């Protein structure tokens, strides 16, 4: 019985750390402005990224070469977003305020993915520029 209690408490503590980590990553990404180049590449008309843009942006992130650490962050935020989607569906009729919060957090996940894509595009451009100047 004690072992089961310790296991449940450990999983609960791990979940709390995971959520805190993801929310911290989203908060730091919200401070970053998105470039016009990113909006053009991603096909986004305005700087207001919606929660539904996440999958499309994530596909673009996967296409862009990864020159920096951070692959784990995008995977963690993807898992967090999926959990938020389930929470939003379950709470839509019972607790609309939780569903609205879930949608807002999912929008933050999309913004995070856009920031990661913007960084990768910038890294690729810098590497290309450096490579082109080395050849001259």
N, C-alpha and C. Protein backbone atom coordinates (compact mmCIF):
# COMPACT_ATOMS: atom_id res chain seq x y z
N UNK A 1 0.81 -1.19 0.00
CA UNK A 1 0.00 0.00 0.00
C UNK A 1 0.87 1.26 0.00
N UNK A 2 1.91 1.25 0.78
CA UNK A 2 2.83 2.38 0.86
C UNK A 2 3.52 2.58 -0.50
N UNK A 3 3.87 1.47 -1.14
CA UNK A 3 4.54 1.55 -2.43
C UNK A 3 3.62 2.21 -3.46
N UNK A 4 2.36 1.86 -3.45
CA UNK A 4 1.40 2.45 -4.38
C UNK A 4 1.25 3.95 -4.12
N UNK A 5 1.20 4.32 -2.86
CA UNK A 5 1.09 5.74 -2.50
C UNK A 5 2.31 6.51 -2.97
N UNK A 6 3.49 5.96 -2.77
CA UNK A 6 4.73 6.61 -3.21
C UNK A 6 4.74 6.73 -4.73
N UNK A 7 4.28 5.71 -5.42
CA UNK A 7 4.23 5.74 -6.88
C UNK A 7 3.27 6.82 -7.37
N UNK A 8 2.11 6.92 -6.77
CA UNK A 8 1.12 7.94 -7.16
C UNK A 8 1.66 9.34 -6.89
N UNK A 9 2.26 9.53 -5.73
CA UNK A 9 2.84 10.84 -5.41
C UNK A 9 3.99 11.20 -6.34
N UNK A 10 4.79 10.22 -6.72
CA UNK A 10 5.90 10.47 -7.64
C UNK A 10 5.39 10.88 -9.02
N UNK A 11 4.37 10.19 -9.49
CA UNK A 11 3.79 10.54 -10.80
C UNK A 11 3.16 11.93 -10.74
N UNK A 12 2.48 12.24 -9.64
CA UNK A 12 1.87 13.56 -9.49
C UNK A 12 2.95 14.65 -9.46
N UNK A 13 4.05 14.40 -8.77
CA UNK A 13 5.14 15.38 -8.72
C UNK A 13 5.79 15.55 -10.09
N UNK A 14 5.96 14.45 -10.80
CA UNK A 14 6.53 14.52 -12.14
C UNK A 14 5.61 15.31 -13.08
N UNK A 15 4.31 15.08 -12.97
CA UNK A 15 3.35 15.82 -13.80
C UNK A 15 3.40 17.31 -13.49
N UNK A 16 3.52 17.65 -12.22
CA UNK A 16 3.59 19.06 -11.83
C UNK A 16 4.86 19.71 -12.38
N UNK A 17 5.97 19.03 -12.33
CA UNK A 17 7.22 19.56 -12.86
C UNK A 17 7.11 19.72 -14.38
N UNK A 18 6.51 18.73 -15.04
CA UNK A 18 6.34 18.78 -16.50
C UNK A 18 5.49 19.97 -16.92
N UNK A 19 4.37 20.17 -16.24
CA UNK A 19 3.48 21.30 -16.56
C UNK A 19 4.20 22.62 -16.29
N UNK A 20 4.91 22.71 -15.19
CA UNK A 20 5.66 23.94 -14.88
C UNK A 20 6.72 24.22 -15.93
N UNK A 21 7.41 23.20 -16.37
CA UNK A 21 8.44 23.35 -17.40
C UNK A 21 7.82 23.86 -18.70
N UNK A 22 6.71 23.26 -19.10
CA UNK A 22 6.06 23.68 -20.35
C UNK A 22 5.51 25.09 -20.25
N UNK A 23 4.90 25.42 -19.14
CA UNK A 23 4.38 26.78 -18.98
C UNK A 23 5.50 27.81 -18.96
N UNK A 24 6.64 27.44 -18.40
CA UNK A 24 7.80 28.34 -18.41
C UNK A 24 8.31 28.55 -19.83
N UNK A 25 8.36 27.48 -20.61
CA UNK A 25 8.80 27.60 -22.00
C UNK A 25 7.83 28.47 -22.79
N UNK A 26 6.53 28.31 -22.56
CA UNK A 26 5.53 29.13 -23.25
C UNK A 26 5.65 30.60 -22.85
N UNK A 27 5.90 30.85 -21.57
CA UNK A 27 6.01 32.23 -21.09
C UNK A 27 7.22 32.93 -21.71
N UNK A 28 8.32 32.22 -21.84
CA UNK A 28 9.50 32.85 -22.45
C UNK A 28 9.28 33.06 -23.95
N UNK A 29 8.55 32.17 -24.60
CA UNK A 29 8.29 32.34 -26.04
C UNK A 29 7.32 33.48 -26.31
N UNK A 30 6.41 33.73 -25.38
CA UNK A 30 5.45 34.83 -25.58
C UNK A 30 6.13 36.19 -25.66
N UNK A 31 7.31 36.30 -25.07
CA UNK A 31 8.04 37.57 -25.09
C UNK A 31 8.68 37.84 -26.45
N UNK A 32 8.84 36.79 -27.25
CA UNK A 32 9.52 36.93 -28.54
C UNK A 32 8.54 37.38 -29.62
N UNK A 33 8.97 38.35 -30.40
CA UNK A 33 8.18 38.79 -31.54
C UNK A 33 8.50 37.90 -32.74
N UNK A 34 7.49 37.71 -33.57
CA UNK A 34 7.66 36.88 -34.75
C UNK A 34 8.06 37.77 -35.94
N UNK A 35 8.96 37.28 -36.75
CA UNK A 35 9.42 38.05 -37.90
C UNK A 35 8.43 37.95 -39.05
N UNK A 36 8.50 38.93 -39.91
CA UNK A 36 7.66 38.94 -41.11
C UNK A 36 7.99 37.75 -42.01
N UNK A 37 9.26 37.40 -42.04
CA UNK A 37 9.72 36.26 -42.84
C UNK A 37 9.03 34.97 -42.38
N UNK A 38 8.91 34.79 -41.08
CA UNK A 38 8.25 33.60 -40.55
C UNK A 38 6.79 33.58 -40.95
N UNK A 39 6.11 34.70 -40.80
CA UNK A 39 4.69 34.76 -41.14
C UNK A 39 4.48 34.43 -42.61
N UNK A 40 5.40 34.89 -43.45
CA UNK A 40 5.30 34.60 -44.88
C UNK A 40 5.53 33.12 -45.16
N UNK A 41 6.57 32.56 -44.55
CA UNK A 41 6.89 31.15 -44.78
C UNK A 41 5.78 30.24 -44.25
N UNK A 42 5.24 30.57 -43.10
CA UNK A 42 4.20 29.74 -42.49
C UNK A 42 2.82 29.98 -43.09
N UNK A 43 2.69 31.03 -43.89
CA UNK A 43 1.39 31.31 -44.50
C UNK A 43 0.38 31.85 -43.51
N UNK A 44 0.86 32.63 -42.56
CA UNK A 44 -0.01 33.21 -41.54
C UNK A 44 -0.23 34.67 -41.89
N UNK A 45 -1.51 35.08 -41.97
CA UNK A 45 -1.81 36.44 -42.42
C UNK A 45 -1.56 37.50 -41.35
N UNK A 46 -1.78 37.17 -40.10
CA UNK A 46 -1.60 38.17 -39.04
C UNK A 46 -0.68 37.59 -37.97
N UNK A 47 -0.25 38.45 -37.05
CA UNK A 47 0.63 37.99 -35.97
C UNK A 47 -0.13 37.21 -34.91
N UNK A 48 -1.44 37.15 -35.04
CA UNK A 48 -2.25 36.38 -34.09
C UNK A 48 -2.31 34.93 -34.54
N UNK A 49 -1.49 34.12 -33.93
CA UNK A 49 -1.44 32.70 -34.26
C UNK A 49 -2.51 32.00 -33.44
N UNK A 50 -3.24 31.10 -34.08
CA UNK A 50 -4.31 30.39 -33.39
C UNK A 50 -3.83 29.02 -32.93
N UNK A 51 -4.60 28.41 -32.07
CA UNK A 51 -4.26 27.09 -31.57
C UNK A 51 -4.24 26.05 -32.69
N UNK A 52 -5.05 26.26 -33.70
CA UNK A 52 -5.11 25.29 -34.80
C UNK A 52 -3.91 25.37 -35.74
N UNK A 53 -3.08 26.39 -35.61
CA UNK A 53 -1.89 26.53 -36.45
C UNK A 53 -0.73 25.63 -35.99
N UNK A 54 -0.85 25.02 -34.83
CA UNK A 54 0.26 24.27 -34.25
C UNK A 54 0.75 23.15 -35.17
N UNK A 55 -0.16 22.34 -35.68
CA UNK A 55 0.26 21.19 -36.49
C UNK A 55 0.99 21.63 -37.76
N UNK A 56 0.48 22.65 -38.42
CA UNK A 56 1.12 23.14 -39.64
C UNK A 56 2.51 23.71 -39.33
N UNK A 57 2.61 24.47 -38.25
CA UNK A 57 3.91 25.05 -37.88
C UNK A 57 4.88 23.94 -37.48
N UNK A 58 4.37 22.93 -36.77
CA UNK A 58 5.23 21.82 -36.35
C UNK A 58 5.77 21.06 -37.56
N UNK A 59 4.97 20.91 -38.61
CA UNK A 59 5.45 20.27 -39.83
C UNK A 59 6.59 21.07 -40.45
N UNK A 60 6.46 22.38 -40.43
CA UNK A 60 7.53 23.24 -40.96
C UNK A 60 8.78 23.17 -40.08
N UNK A 61 8.59 23.08 -38.78
CA UNK A 61 9.73 22.94 -37.86
C UNK A 61 10.49 21.66 -38.18
N UNK A 62 9.76 20.60 -38.45
CA UNK A 62 10.41 19.31 -38.76
C UNK A 62 11.15 19.34 -40.10
N UNK A 63 10.70 20.18 -41.02
CA UNK A 63 11.37 20.30 -42.32
C UNK A 63 12.65 21.11 -42.24
N UNK A 64 12.69 22.03 -41.31
CA UNK A 64 13.83 22.93 -41.19
C UNK A 64 14.96 22.23 -40.42
N UNK A 65 16.20 22.33 -40.89
CA UNK A 65 17.31 21.69 -40.18
C UNK A 65 17.44 22.22 -38.76
N UNK A 66 17.86 21.35 -37.88
CA UNK A 66 18.00 21.68 -36.46
C UNK A 66 19.48 21.90 -36.15
N UNK A 67 19.88 23.15 -36.00
CA UNK A 67 21.27 23.47 -35.69
C UNK A 67 21.47 23.79 -34.22
N UNK A 68 20.44 23.73 -33.45
CA UNK A 68 20.53 24.12 -32.05
C UNK A 68 19.86 23.07 -31.18
N UNK A 69 20.18 23.11 -29.93
CA UNK A 69 19.49 22.24 -28.99
C UNK A 69 18.06 22.74 -28.84
N UNK A 70 17.18 21.92 -28.40
CA UNK A 70 15.80 22.36 -28.23
C UNK A 70 14.79 21.39 -28.79
N UNK A 71 15.26 20.27 -29.30
CA UNK A 71 14.34 19.29 -29.83
C UNK A 71 13.43 18.75 -28.73
N UNK A 72 13.96 18.59 -27.54
CA UNK A 72 13.17 18.10 -26.41
C UNK A 72 12.08 19.08 -26.00
N UNK A 73 12.38 20.36 -26.12
CA UNK A 73 11.39 21.38 -25.76
C UNK A 73 10.16 21.30 -26.65
N UNK A 74 10.36 21.18 -27.95
CA UNK A 74 9.23 21.15 -28.86
C UNK A 74 8.42 19.87 -28.67
N UNK A 75 9.09 18.76 -28.34
CA UNK A 75 8.37 17.52 -28.06
C UNK A 75 7.56 17.65 -26.78
N UNK A 76 8.15 18.25 -25.76
CA UNK A 76 7.44 18.42 -24.49
C UNK A 76 6.23 19.33 -24.67
N UNK A 77 6.38 20.41 -25.41
CA UNK A 77 5.27 21.32 -25.64
C UNK A 77 4.20 20.64 -26.48
N UNK A 78 4.59 19.78 -27.40
CA UNK A 78 3.61 19.02 -28.18
C UNK A 78 2.78 18.09 -27.31
N UNK A 79 3.43 17.43 -26.38
CA UNK A 79 2.71 16.55 -25.44
C UNK A 79 1.78 17.39 -24.57
N UNK A 80 2.28 18.51 -24.08
CA UNK A 80 1.48 19.41 -23.25
C UNK A 80 0.25 19.89 -24.02
N UNK A 81 0.44 20.24 -25.29
CA UNK A 81 -0.67 20.70 -26.12
C UNK A 81 -1.72 19.60 -26.29
N UNK A 82 -1.26 18.36 -26.50
CA UNK A 82 -2.21 17.26 -26.63
C UNK A 82 -3.00 17.04 -25.34
N UNK A 83 -2.34 17.17 -24.21
CA UNK A 83 -3.04 17.05 -22.93
C UNK A 83 -4.05 18.18 -22.75
N UNK A 84 -3.68 19.37 -23.18
CA UNK A 84 -4.60 20.51 -23.11
C UNK A 84 -5.81 20.31 -24.01
N UNK A 85 -5.59 19.70 -25.15
CA UNK A 85 -6.70 19.44 -26.07
C UNK A 85 -7.70 18.47 -25.45
N UNK A 86 -7.19 17.44 -24.81
CA UNK A 86 -8.07 16.48 -24.13
C UNK A 86 -8.81 17.18 -22.99
N UNK A 87 -8.09 17.97 -22.21
CA UNK A 87 -8.71 18.71 -21.11
C UNK A 87 -9.79 19.65 -21.62
N UNK A 88 -9.52 20.34 -22.72
CA UNK A 88 -10.49 21.26 -23.29
C UNK A 88 -11.76 20.55 -23.75
N UNK A 89 -11.59 19.40 -24.37
CA UNK A 89 -12.75 18.63 -24.83
C UNK A 89 -13.59 18.13 -23.65
N UNK A 90 -12.91 17.66 -22.61
CA UNK A 90 -13.63 17.12 -21.46
C UNK A 90 -14.35 18.21 -20.66
N UNK A 91 -13.78 19.40 -20.64
CA UNK A 91 -14.33 20.46 -19.80
C UNK A 91 -15.24 21.42 -20.55
N UNK A 92 -15.39 21.25 -21.84
CA UNK A 92 -16.15 22.21 -22.65
C UNK A 92 -17.57 22.41 -22.13
N UNK A 93 -18.27 21.35 -21.82
CA UNK A 93 -19.67 21.51 -21.37
C UNK A 93 -19.78 21.70 -19.86
N UNK A 94 -18.86 21.13 -19.10
CA UNK A 94 -18.95 21.21 -17.64
C UNK A 94 -18.36 22.49 -17.07
N UNK A 95 -17.19 22.87 -17.57
CA UNK A 95 -16.47 24.04 -17.06
C UNK A 95 -15.94 24.86 -18.22
N UNK A 96 -16.75 25.76 -18.76
CA UNK A 96 -16.31 26.55 -19.91
C UNK A 96 -15.07 27.41 -19.64
N UNK A 97 -14.88 27.83 -18.41
CA UNK A 97 -13.70 28.66 -18.11
C UNK A 97 -12.41 27.84 -18.24
N UNK A 98 -12.46 26.57 -17.87
CA UNK A 98 -11.29 25.70 -18.03
C UNK A 98 -11.03 25.45 -19.51
N UNK A 99 -12.10 25.28 -20.28
CA UNK A 99 -11.96 25.09 -21.72
C UNK A 99 -11.35 26.33 -22.38
N UNK A 100 -11.76 27.51 -21.94
CA UNK A 100 -11.20 28.75 -22.49
C UNK A 100 -9.73 28.89 -22.13
N UNK A 101 -9.37 28.55 -20.89
CA UNK A 101 -7.97 28.59 -20.48
C UNK A 101 -7.15 27.60 -21.30
N UNK A 102 -7.70 26.42 -21.53
CA UNK A 102 -7.03 25.40 -22.32
C UNK A 102 -6.77 25.89 -23.75
N UNK A 103 -7.75 26.56 -24.33
CA UNK A 103 -7.59 27.11 -25.67
C UNK A 103 -6.50 28.18 -25.70
N UNK A 104 -6.46 29.01 -24.68
CA UNK A 104 -5.43 30.06 -24.60
C UNK A 104 -4.04 29.44 -24.47
N UNK A 105 -3.92 28.40 -23.68
CA UNK A 105 -2.64 27.72 -23.53
C UNK A 105 -2.22 27.04 -24.84
N UNK A 106 -3.18 26.46 -25.54
CA UNK A 106 -2.89 25.83 -26.83
C UNK A 106 -2.43 26.88 -27.85
N UNK A 107 -2.98 28.08 -27.76
CA UNK A 107 -2.52 29.17 -28.62
C UNK A 107 -1.07 29.52 -28.28
N UNK A 108 -0.75 29.50 -26.99
CA UNK A 108 0.64 29.73 -26.57
C UNK A 108 1.57 28.65 -27.10
N UNK A 109 1.09 27.42 -27.19
CA UNK A 109 1.89 26.33 -27.76
C UNK A 109 2.18 26.60 -29.24
N UNK A 110 1.18 27.11 -29.96
CA UNK A 110 1.37 27.44 -31.37
C UNK A 110 2.39 28.57 -31.52
N UNK A 111 2.30 29.56 -30.64
CA UNK A 111 3.27 30.67 -30.68
C UNK A 111 4.67 30.15 -30.38
N UNK A 112 4.78 29.24 -29.43
CA UNK A 112 6.08 28.64 -29.10
C UNK A 112 6.67 27.94 -30.32
N UNK A 113 5.85 27.15 -31.01
CA UNK A 113 6.32 26.45 -32.20
C UNK A 113 6.76 27.45 -33.28
N UNK A 114 6.04 28.55 -33.40
CA UNK A 114 6.41 29.58 -34.37
C UNK A 114 7.75 30.22 -34.01
N UNK A 115 7.98 30.43 -32.73
CA UNK A 115 9.26 31.00 -32.29
C UNK A 115 10.40 30.03 -32.60
N UNK A 116 10.18 28.74 -32.36
CA UNK A 116 11.20 27.73 -32.68
C UNK A 116 11.47 27.73 -34.18
N UNK A 117 10.41 27.79 -34.98
CA UNK A 117 10.58 27.82 -36.43
C UNK A 117 11.34 29.07 -36.86
N UNK A 118 11.02 30.20 -36.28
CA UNK A 118 11.70 31.45 -36.60
C UNK A 118 13.20 31.34 -36.28
N UNK A 119 13.53 30.75 -35.15
CA UNK A 119 14.94 30.57 -34.78
C UNK A 119 15.65 29.66 -35.77
N UNK A 120 14.98 28.59 -36.18
CA UNK A 120 15.61 27.66 -37.12
C UNK A 120 15.80 28.30 -38.49
N UNK A 121 14.83 29.08 -38.92
CA UNK A 121 14.98 29.78 -40.20
C UNK A 121 16.16 30.74 -40.12
N UNK A 122 16.26 31.48 -39.02
CA UNK A 122 17.38 32.42 -38.85
C UNK A 122 18.71 31.69 -38.82
N UNK A 123 18.77 30.57 -38.13
CA UNK A 123 20.01 29.79 -38.07
C UNK A 123 20.40 29.28 -39.45
N UNK A 124 19.42 28.82 -40.20
CA UNK A 124 19.69 28.32 -41.56
C UNK A 124 20.19 29.44 -42.45
N UNK A 125 19.58 30.61 -42.34
CA UNK A 125 20.02 31.75 -43.16
C UNK A 125 21.44 32.17 -42.79
N UNK A 126 21.73 32.21 -41.49
CA UNK A 126 23.08 32.59 -41.06
C UNK A 126 24.11 31.59 -41.54
N UNK A 127 23.78 30.31 -41.44
CA UNK A 127 24.71 29.27 -41.89
C UNK A 127 24.93 29.37 -43.40
N UNK A 128 23.86 29.62 -44.15
CA UNK A 128 23.98 29.77 -45.60
C UNK A 128 24.84 30.98 -45.95
N UNK A 129 24.60 32.09 -45.26
CA UNK A 129 25.38 33.30 -45.51
C UNK A 129 26.85 33.08 -45.19
N UNK A 130 27.11 32.41 -44.07
CA UNK A 130 28.49 32.12 -43.68
C UNK A 130 29.15 31.20 -44.70
N UNK A 131 28.43 30.20 -45.14
CA UNK A 131 28.97 29.26 -46.11
C UNK A 131 29.23 29.94 -47.45
N UNK A 132 28.31 30.81 -47.86
CA UNK A 132 28.47 31.54 -49.12
C UNK A 132 29.66 32.50 -49.06
N UNK A 133 29.87 33.16 -47.92
CA UNK A 133 30.99 34.08 -47.81
C UNK A 133 32.33 33.33 -47.72
N UNK A 134 32.33 32.14 -47.18
CA UNK A 134 33.55 31.34 -47.11
C UNK A 134 33.99 30.87 -48.50
N UNK A 135 33.02 30.69 -49.39
CA UNK A 135 33.33 30.21 -50.73
C UNK A 135 33.89 31.31 -51.63
N UNK A 136 33.67 32.56 -51.24
CA UNK A 136 34.16 33.68 -52.06
C UNK A 136 35.57 33.95 -51.78
